[in-house]
Amino acid sequence: MIDDVKVLLGLTNDSQDSLLSIYEKQAKQKILNRLGTVKFPSQFEYIAVEYVVYKFRKRGTEDASVVKEDVLSKSILTDDDFFKQYESEFRKYLENENKRNKRTVLRFLKC
């Protein structure tokens, strides 16, 4: 995963690997907390990658809600806002898991 993040960020050396690793752990834990599960679902790996890129780019502006560069300004998402954009995917995953976990009991009756 770190290699994908480095490609997206244009990083060519290993100097930021420790920081990226911390962001990766945070991403996976936040997704697990949202889902209420203990095992990280591999289909959400891309969300973790996007979160790491988002956190890396947000460095230094953690307390700001708007960043102004020259004449441009942009709003900065909170972590909660970041994950809200994937809420429908999380909901679908949980619905599918609930369907899988429901057991159907078949009983044969003697006539």
Protein backbone atom coordinates (compact mmCIF):
# COMPACT_ATOMS: atom_id res chain seq x y z
CA MET A 1 0.00 0.00 0.00
CA ILE A 2 2.80 2.43 0.85
CA ASP A 3 4.19 2.01 -2.67
CA ASP A 4 0.85 3.06 -4.18
CA VAL A 5 0.73 6.11 -1.93
CA LYS A 6 4.28 7.08 -2.87
CA VAL A 7 3.41 6.89 -6.57
CA LEU A 8 0.34 9.08 -6.06
CA LEU A 9 2.36 11.62 -4.08
CA GLY A 10 5.37 11.52 -6.39
CA LEU A 11 7.73 10.42 -3.60
CA THR A 12 10.85 8.71 -4.89
CA ASN A 13 12.69 7.78 -1.68
CA ASP A 14 11.91 6.14 1.64
CA SER A 15 12.29 9.22 3.84
CA GLN A 16 8.52 9.52 4.50
CA ASP A 17 7.76 5.81 4.93
CA SER A 18 7.42 6.00 8.73
CA LEU A 19 4.89 8.82 8.49
CA LEU A 20 2.97 7.07 5.72
CA SER A 21 2.90 3.89 7.80
CA ILE A 22 1.35 5.78 10.73
CA TYR A 23 -1.29 7.28 8.43
CA GLU A 24 -2.00 3.80 7.05
CA LYS A 25 -2.61 2.41 10.55
CA GLN A 26 -4.88 5.36 11.33
CA ALA A 27 -6.84 4.87 8.10
CA LYS A 28 -7.42 1.18 8.71
CA GLN A 29 -8.41 1.73 12.34
CA LYS A 30 -10.86 4.49 11.41
CA ILE A 31 -12.46 2.25 8.79
CA LEU A 32 -12.67 -0.63 11.29
CA ASN A 33 -14.27 1.70 13.84
CA ARG A 34 -16.84 2.88 11.30
CA LEU A 35 -17.68 -0.69 10.33
CA GLY A 36 -17.58 -2.06 13.86
CA THR A 37 -15.45 -5.02 12.80
CA VAL A 38 -12.06 -6.36 13.83
CA LYS A 39 -10.81 -7.66 10.48
CA PHE A 40 -9.96 -5.09 7.79
CA PRO A 41 -11.89 -5.78 4.57
CA SER A 42 -9.50 -5.75 1.61
CA GLN A 43 -12.05 -4.06 -0.66
CA PHE A 44 -11.54 -0.86 1.34
CA GLU A 45 -7.80 -0.76 0.71
CA TYR A 46 -8.29 2.00 -1.87
CA ILE A 47 -10.04 4.17 0.75
CA ALA A 48 -7.07 3.70 3.06
CA VAL A 49 -4.71 4.72 0.23
CA GLU A 50 -6.80 7.84 -0.47
CA TYR A 51 -6.86 8.70 3.24
CA VAL A 52 -3.07 8.44 3.53
CA VAL A 53 -2.66 10.75 0.52
CA TYR A 54 -5.22 13.14 2.00
CA LYS A 55 -3.48 13.19 5.41
CA PHE A 56 -0.05 13.66 3.86
CA ARG A 57 -1.23 16.62 1.80
CA LYS A 58 -3.07 18.08 4.79
CA ARG A 59 0.07 18.08 6.97
CA GLY A 60 0.67 21.44 8.61
CA THR A 61 -2.92 22.59 8.21
CA GLU A 62 -4.59 20.24 10.68
CA ASP A 63 -6.31 23.02 12.63
CA ALA A 64 -7.38 25.06 9.61
CA SER A 65 -10.74 24.80 7.91
CA VAL A 66 -9.76 26.91 4.90
CA VAL A 67 -6.35 27.26 3.24
CA LYS A 68 -5.57 30.30 1.12
CA GLU A 69 -2.86 30.18 -1.53
CA ASP A 70 -2.38 33.41 -3.52
CA VAL A 71 -5.89 34.21 -4.76
CA LEU A 72 -7.24 30.69 -4.39
CA SER A 73 -8.75 29.27 -1.25
CA LYS A 74 -10.01 25.80 -0.54
CA SER A 75 -11.92 24.17 2.29
CA ILE A 76 -10.20 21.38 4.15
CA LEU A 77 -12.18 18.29 5.04
CA THR A 78 -12.19 16.96 8.54
CA ASP A 79 -11.42 13.25 8.93
CA ASP A 80 -15.11 12.63 9.58
CA ASP A 81 -16.07 14.48 6.39
CA PHE A 82 -13.50 12.47 4.45
CA PHE A 83 -15.04 9.15 5.49
CA LYS A 84 -18.64 10.37 5.05
CA GLN A 85 -18.11 10.36 1.30
CA TYR A 86 -17.76 6.55 1.50
CA GLU A 87 -20.72 6.02 3.82
CA SER A 88 -22.89 4.33 1.19
CA GLU A 89 -20.12 1.81 0.46
CA PHE A 90 -19.70 1.08 4.16
CA ARG A 91 -23.48 0.63 4.50
CA LYS A 92 -23.62 -1.80 1.54
CA TYR A 93 -20.74 -3.81 2.98
CA LEU A 94 -22.47 -4.07 6.36
CA GLU A 95 -25.76 -5.07 4.75
CA ASN A 96 -24.02 -7.82 2.78
CA GLU A 97 -22.20 -9.03 5.88
CA ASN A 98 -25.47 -9.15 7.80
CA LYS A 99 -27.05 -11.24 5.03
CA ARG A 100 -24.08 -13.63 5.07
CA ASN A 101 -24.15 -13.98 8.82
CA LYS A 102 -27.83 -14.81 9.02
CA ARG A 103 -28.27 -18.52 9.25
CA THR A 104 -31.12 -20.31 7.67
CA VAL A 105 -32.32 -23.30 9.60
CA LEU A 106 -33.95 -26.09 7.65
CA ARG A 107 -35.92 -28.60 9.64
CA PHE A 108 -37.46 -31.80 8.39
CA LEU A 109 -40.65 -32.88 9.97
CA LYS A 110 -41.86 -36.48 10.07
CA CYS A 111 -45.32 -36.94 8.68
